[in-house]
């Protein structure tokens, strides 16, 4: 922009989470599901023009719910809503960040 190259301000996150996932059939076509997760999160260091943010690790938590529709024998459509609580990328902040994700997925079962 204006003859300058913009900085890469992408914040990468690597996480590993574990926890129970449940699914309950409402009918032969519909299922409702939920999950409760906890895990480990890592932010790698991010070099910027004037400074470099150090890498950081922390504990993360998540939960979610889903509604799945079985369209054919081996194909389903899932609508989900997930909530994640993650540590801040900068330790000085001390405030966890909340992330709410809504989406859909398509799956083929074997």
N, C-alpha and C. Protein backbone atom coordinates (compact mmCIF):
# COMPACT_ATOMS: atom_id res chain seq x y z
N UNK A 1 0.84 -1.16 0.00
CA UNK A 1 0.00 0.00 0.00
C UNK A 1 0.89 1.24 0.00
N UNK A 2 0.62 2.19 -0.85
CA UNK A 2 1.42 3.40 -0.97
C UNK A 2 2.91 3.10 -1.15
N UNK A 3 3.21 2.06 -1.95
CA UNK A 3 4.59 1.70 -2.20
C UNK A 3 5.24 0.86 -1.12
N UNK A 4 4.50 0.49 -0.07
CA UNK A 4 5.04 -0.32 1.02
C UNK A 4 4.39 -1.69 1.00
N UNK A 5 5.14 -2.67 1.47
CA UNK A 5 4.58 -4.01 1.61
C UNK A 5 3.95 -4.12 3.00
N UNK A 6 2.73 -4.61 3.04
CA UNK A 6 2.03 -4.76 4.32
C UNK A 6 2.64 -5.90 5.12
N UNK A 7 2.62 -5.76 6.44
CA UNK A 7 3.13 -6.80 7.31
C UNK A 7 2.18 -7.99 7.34
N UNK A 8 2.76 -9.16 7.60
CA UNK A 8 1.94 -10.35 7.82
C UNK A 8 1.42 -10.30 9.24
N UNK A 9 0.16 -10.00 9.42
CA UNK A 9 -0.42 -9.89 10.76
C UNK A 9 -1.32 -11.09 11.05
N UNK A 10 -0.96 -12.22 10.48
CA UNK A 10 -1.72 -13.43 10.73
C UNK A 10 -1.27 -14.05 12.05
N UNK A 11 -2.20 -14.37 12.91
CA UNK A 11 -1.90 -14.99 14.19
C UNK A 11 -2.20 -16.47 14.07
N UNK A 12 -1.15 -17.29 14.06
CA UNK A 12 -1.33 -18.74 13.96
C UNK A 12 -1.61 -19.32 15.33
N UNK A 13 -2.44 -20.35 15.36
CA UNK A 13 -2.76 -21.04 16.60
C UNK A 13 -2.68 -22.54 16.33
N UNK A 14 -2.04 -23.27 17.21
CA UNK A 14 -2.03 -24.72 17.16
C UNK A 14 -2.63 -25.21 18.47
N UNK A 15 -3.59 -26.12 18.36
CA UNK A 15 -4.22 -26.61 19.59
C UNK A 15 -4.48 -28.10 19.51
N UNK A 16 -4.53 -28.72 20.66
CA UNK A 16 -4.88 -30.13 20.80
C UNK A 16 -5.91 -30.20 21.92
N UNK A 17 -7.10 -30.69 21.60
CA UNK A 17 -8.17 -30.76 22.59
C UNK A 17 -8.71 -32.18 22.69
N UNK A 18 -9.19 -32.53 23.85
CA UNK A 18 -9.82 -33.83 24.08
C UNK A 18 -11.07 -33.62 24.92
N UNK A 19 -11.98 -34.57 24.82
CA UNK A 19 -13.18 -34.49 25.63
C UNK A 19 -14.30 -35.33 25.05
N UNK A 20 -15.38 -35.46 25.79
CA UNK A 20 -16.49 -36.29 25.34
C UNK A 20 -17.33 -35.60 24.25
N UNK A 21 -17.78 -36.42 23.31
CA UNK A 21 -18.71 -36.01 22.26
C UNK A 21 -19.92 -36.95 22.36
N UNK A 22 -21.10 -36.39 22.41
CA UNK A 22 -22.31 -37.19 22.53
C UNK A 22 -23.23 -36.92 21.35
N UNK A 23 -23.99 -37.93 20.95
CA UNK A 23 -24.97 -37.78 19.89
C UNK A 23 -26.20 -38.58 20.28
N UNK A 24 -27.37 -37.97 20.12
CA UNK A 24 -28.61 -38.64 20.48
C UNK A 24 -29.58 -38.58 19.30
N UNK A 25 -30.09 -39.73 18.86
CA UNK A 25 -31.03 -39.72 17.74
C UNK A 25 -32.41 -39.20 18.15
N UNK A 26 -32.89 -38.20 17.43
CA UNK A 26 -34.24 -37.68 17.67
C UNK A 26 -35.27 -38.44 16.84
N UNK A 27 -34.84 -38.88 15.65
CA UNK A 27 -35.67 -39.69 14.77
C UNK A 27 -34.72 -40.46 13.85
N UNK A 28 -35.25 -41.11 12.85
CA UNK A 28 -34.36 -41.85 11.95
C UNK A 28 -33.56 -40.90 11.04
N UNK A 29 -33.93 -39.63 10.98
CA UNK A 29 -33.22 -38.67 10.14
C UNK A 29 -32.48 -37.58 10.91
N UNK A 30 -32.86 -37.35 12.14
CA UNK A 30 -32.28 -36.23 12.91
C UNK A 30 -31.51 -36.73 14.14
N UNK A 31 -30.38 -36.08 14.40
CA UNK A 31 -29.59 -36.33 15.61
C UNK A 31 -29.20 -35.00 16.22
N UNK A 32 -29.14 -34.97 17.54
CA UNK A 32 -28.64 -33.79 18.23
C UNK A 32 -27.35 -34.20 18.94
N UNK A 33 -26.37 -33.31 18.95
CA UNK A 33 -25.09 -33.66 19.54
C UNK A 33 -24.54 -32.54 20.41
N UNK A 34 -23.58 -32.90 21.26
CA UNK A 34 -22.90 -31.90 22.07
C UNK A 34 -21.49 -32.39 22.36
N UNK A 35 -20.63 -31.46 22.76
CA UNK A 35 -19.26 -31.80 23.12
C UNK A 35 -18.78 -30.86 24.20
N UNK A 36 -17.80 -31.32 24.96
CA UNK A 36 -17.19 -30.55 26.02
C UNK A 36 -15.69 -30.85 25.97
N UNK A 37 -14.88 -29.84 25.69
CA UNK A 37 -13.47 -30.05 25.42
C UNK A 37 -12.57 -29.23 26.33
N UNK A 38 -11.38 -29.74 26.56
CA UNK A 38 -10.30 -28.99 27.19
C UNK A 38 -9.02 -29.38 26.47
N UNK A 39 -8.05 -28.48 26.49
CA UNK A 39 -6.84 -28.79 25.75
C UNK A 39 -5.72 -27.80 25.96
N UNK A 40 -4.76 -27.91 25.08
CA UNK A 40 -3.52 -27.13 25.12
C UNK A 40 -3.44 -26.31 23.85
N UNK A 41 -3.07 -25.04 23.98
CA UNK A 41 -3.01 -24.13 22.83
C UNK A 41 -1.62 -23.49 22.77
N UNK A 42 -1.10 -23.31 21.56
CA UNK A 42 0.22 -22.71 21.37
C UNK A 42 0.14 -21.62 20.31
N UNK A 43 0.63 -20.42 20.66
CA UNK A 43 0.81 -19.33 19.71
C UNK A 43 2.31 -19.26 19.40
N UNK A 44 2.73 -19.44 18.15
CA UNK A 44 4.15 -19.25 17.84
C UNK A 44 4.51 -17.76 17.87
N UNK A 45 5.80 -17.45 17.93
CA UNK A 45 6.20 -16.04 17.94
C UNK A 45 5.85 -15.40 16.60
N UNK A 46 5.56 -14.11 16.63
CA UNK A 46 5.14 -13.38 15.44
C UNK A 46 6.04 -12.17 15.27
N UNK A 47 6.96 -12.21 14.29
CA UNK A 47 7.84 -11.05 14.07
C UNK A 47 7.11 -9.94 13.31
N UNK A 48 7.14 -8.73 13.86
CA UNK A 48 6.58 -7.55 13.22
C UNK A 48 7.73 -6.56 12.97
N UNK A 49 7.46 -5.43 12.33
CA UNK A 49 8.51 -4.48 12.00
C UNK A 49 9.23 -3.96 13.24
N UNK A 50 8.49 -3.48 14.23
CA UNK A 50 9.12 -2.86 15.40
C UNK A 50 9.37 -3.83 16.55
N UNK A 51 8.68 -4.97 16.58
CA UNK A 51 8.83 -5.89 17.70
C UNK A 51 8.48 -7.30 17.28
N UNK A 52 8.76 -8.22 18.15
CA UNK A 52 8.39 -9.62 17.94
C UNK A 52 7.60 -10.08 19.16
N UNK A 53 6.40 -10.57 18.91
CA UNK A 53 5.63 -11.10 20.04
C UNK A 53 6.16 -12.49 20.35
N UNK A 54 6.44 -12.78 21.61
CA UNK A 54 6.99 -14.10 21.95
C UNK A 54 5.93 -15.20 21.82
N UNK A 55 6.39 -16.43 21.71
CA UNK A 55 5.44 -17.54 21.68
C UNK A 55 4.78 -17.68 23.05
N UNK A 56 3.63 -18.29 23.05
CA UNK A 56 2.87 -18.41 24.30
C UNK A 56 2.08 -19.70 24.27
N UNK A 57 1.90 -20.32 25.42
CA UNK A 57 1.12 -21.55 25.57
C UNK A 57 0.04 -21.33 26.62
N UNK A 58 -0.98 -22.15 26.57
CA UNK A 58 -2.02 -22.04 27.58
C UNK A 58 -3.06 -23.13 27.48
N UNK A 59 -3.94 -23.14 28.44
CA UNK A 59 -5.04 -24.10 28.49
C UNK A 59 -6.26 -23.47 27.81
N UNK A 60 -6.95 -24.26 26.99
CA UNK A 60 -8.15 -23.77 26.32
C UNK A 60 -9.33 -24.68 26.66
N UNK A 61 -10.52 -24.14 26.51
CA UNK A 61 -11.75 -24.87 26.82
C UNK A 61 -12.74 -24.63 25.67
N UNK A 62 -13.63 -25.59 25.47
CA UNK A 62 -14.63 -25.42 24.42
C UNK A 62 -15.84 -26.28 24.68
N UNK A 63 -16.94 -25.86 24.09
CA UNK A 63 -18.17 -26.65 24.13
C UNK A 63 -18.93 -26.37 22.85
N UNK A 64 -19.84 -27.24 22.52
CA UNK A 64 -20.60 -27.03 21.31
C UNK A 64 -21.82 -27.91 21.23
N UNK A 65 -22.68 -27.54 20.33
CA UNK A 65 -23.89 -28.31 20.08
C UNK A 65 -24.08 -28.42 18.57
N UNK A 66 -24.77 -29.46 18.14
CA UNK A 66 -24.98 -29.65 16.71
C UNK A 66 -26.33 -30.32 16.46
N UNK A 67 -26.81 -30.12 15.26
CA UNK A 67 -28.03 -30.76 14.78
C UNK A 67 -27.69 -31.37 13.43
N UNK A 68 -27.85 -32.67 13.30
CA UNK A 68 -27.46 -33.40 12.09
C UNK A 68 -28.69 -33.96 11.41
N UNK A 69 -28.73 -33.79 10.08
CA UNK A 69 -29.81 -34.34 9.26
C UNK A 69 -29.20 -35.38 8.33
N UNK A 70 -29.70 -36.61 8.40
CA UNK A 70 -29.22 -37.68 7.52
C UNK A 70 -30.02 -37.62 6.22
N UNK A 71 -29.37 -37.13 5.15
CA UNK A 71 -30.10 -36.94 3.90
C UNK A 71 -30.24 -38.23 3.11
N UNK A 72 -29.20 -39.02 3.06
CA UNK A 72 -29.21 -40.32 2.39
C UNK A 72 -28.62 -41.33 3.34
N UNK A 73 -28.48 -42.56 2.91
CA UNK A 73 -27.97 -43.61 3.77
C UNK A 73 -26.61 -43.28 4.37
N UNK A 74 -25.68 -42.78 3.58
CA UNK A 74 -24.31 -42.52 4.04
C UNK A 74 -23.90 -41.06 3.95
N UNK A 75 -24.83 -40.14 3.89
CA UNK A 75 -24.51 -38.72 3.73
C UNK A 75 -25.31 -37.91 4.74
N UNK A 76 -24.63 -36.99 5.44
CA UNK A 76 -25.37 -36.15 6.38
C UNK A 76 -24.90 -34.70 6.33
N UNK A 77 -25.77 -33.83 6.79
CA UNK A 77 -25.51 -32.39 6.88
C UNK A 77 -25.61 -32.03 8.37
N UNK A 78 -24.59 -31.34 8.86
CA UNK A 78 -24.56 -30.98 10.29
C UNK A 78 -24.46 -29.48 10.44
N UNK A 79 -25.31 -28.92 11.28
CA UNK A 79 -25.26 -27.51 11.64
C UNK A 79 -24.75 -27.42 13.07
N UNK A 80 -23.80 -26.54 13.32
CA UNK A 80 -23.19 -26.53 14.65
C UNK A 80 -22.98 -25.12 15.16
N UNK A 81 -22.85 -25.03 16.48
CA UNK A 81 -22.54 -23.79 17.18
C UNK A 81 -21.52 -24.16 18.26
N UNK A 82 -20.32 -23.59 18.16
CA UNK A 82 -19.23 -23.90 19.09
C UNK A 82 -18.82 -22.64 19.84
N UNK A 83 -18.46 -22.80 21.10
CA UNK A 83 -17.94 -21.71 21.92
C UNK A 83 -16.58 -22.14 22.46
N UNK A 84 -15.56 -21.30 22.27
CA UNK A 84 -14.21 -21.61 22.74
C UNK A 84 -13.71 -20.47 23.61
N UNK A 85 -13.00 -20.83 24.66
CA UNK A 85 -12.37 -19.88 25.57
C UNK A 85 -10.87 -20.14 25.49
N UNK A 86 -10.12 -19.17 24.95
CA UNK A 86 -8.68 -19.37 24.70
C UNK A 86 -7.87 -18.29 25.41
N UNK A 87 -6.63 -18.64 25.81
CA UNK A 87 -5.79 -17.65 26.48
C UNK A 87 -5.36 -16.56 25.51
N UNK A 88 -5.01 -15.39 26.01
CA UNK A 88 -4.60 -14.30 25.12
C UNK A 88 -3.23 -14.60 24.51
N UNK A 89 -2.96 -14.08 23.30
CA UNK A 89 -1.65 -14.30 22.69
C UNK A 89 -0.53 -13.54 23.40
N UNK A 90 -0.89 -12.56 24.20
CA UNK A 90 0.09 -11.75 24.93
C UNK A 90 -0.15 -11.94 26.42
N UNK A 91 0.87 -12.34 27.16
CA UNK A 91 0.68 -12.67 28.57
C UNK A 91 0.32 -11.45 29.43
N UNK A 92 0.68 -10.25 29.00
CA UNK A 92 0.39 -9.05 29.79
C UNK A 92 -1.11 -8.81 29.89
N UNK A 93 -1.88 -9.28 28.92
CA UNK A 93 -3.32 -9.04 28.92
C UNK A 93 -4.00 -9.80 30.07
N UNK A 94 -3.75 -11.09 30.16
CA UNK A 94 -4.35 -11.89 31.22
C UNK A 94 -5.81 -12.20 31.04
N UNK A 95 -6.46 -11.65 30.03
CA UNK A 95 -7.88 -11.90 29.79
C UNK A 95 -8.05 -12.96 28.71
N UNK A 96 -8.84 -13.97 29.01
CA UNK A 96 -9.13 -15.00 28.02
C UNK A 96 -10.02 -14.42 26.92
N UNK A 97 -9.88 -14.96 25.71
CA UNK A 97 -10.70 -14.52 24.58
C UNK A 97 -11.81 -15.53 24.34
N UNK A 98 -12.98 -15.04 24.00
CA UNK A 98 -14.13 -15.88 23.67
C UNK A 98 -14.31 -15.91 22.17
N UNK A 99 -14.54 -17.11 21.64
CA UNK A 99 -14.80 -17.26 20.20
C UNK A 99 -16.07 -18.06 20.02
N UNK A 100 -16.97 -17.55 19.22
CA UNK A 100 -18.22 -18.22 18.90
C UNK A 100 -18.21 -18.54 17.42
N UNK A 101 -18.40 -19.81 17.06
CA UNK A 101 -18.35 -20.25 15.67
C UNK A 101 -19.65 -20.93 15.31
N UNK A 102 -20.27 -20.48 14.24
CA UNK A 102 -21.47 -21.13 13.70
C UNK A 102 -21.13 -21.62 12.30
N UNK A 103 -21.63 -22.79 11.95
CA UNK A 103 -21.31 -23.29 10.62
C UNK A 103 -22.09 -24.53 10.27
N UNK A 104 -21.69 -25.11 9.15
CA UNK A 104 -22.31 -26.33 8.65
C UNK A 104 -21.21 -27.22 8.07
N UNK A 105 -21.45 -28.52 8.10
CA UNK A 105 -20.51 -29.45 7.51
C UNK A 105 -21.30 -30.54 6.80
N UNK A 106 -20.63 -31.17 5.86
CA UNK A 106 -21.21 -32.26 5.10
C UNK A 106 -20.30 -33.47 5.26
N UNK A 107 -20.86 -34.64 5.50
CA UNK A 107 -20.04 -35.82 5.75
C UNK A 107 -20.59 -37.03 5.02
N UNK A 108 -19.65 -37.87 4.60
CA UNK A 108 -19.98 -39.16 3.99
C UNK A 108 -19.49 -40.23 4.96
N UNK A 109 -20.37 -41.15 5.35
CA UNK A 109 -20.03 -42.22 6.28
C UNK A 109 -19.83 -43.52 5.52
N UNK A 110 -18.93 -44.33 6.03
CA UNK A 110 -18.67 -45.63 5.40
C UNK A 110 -19.11 -46.75 6.30
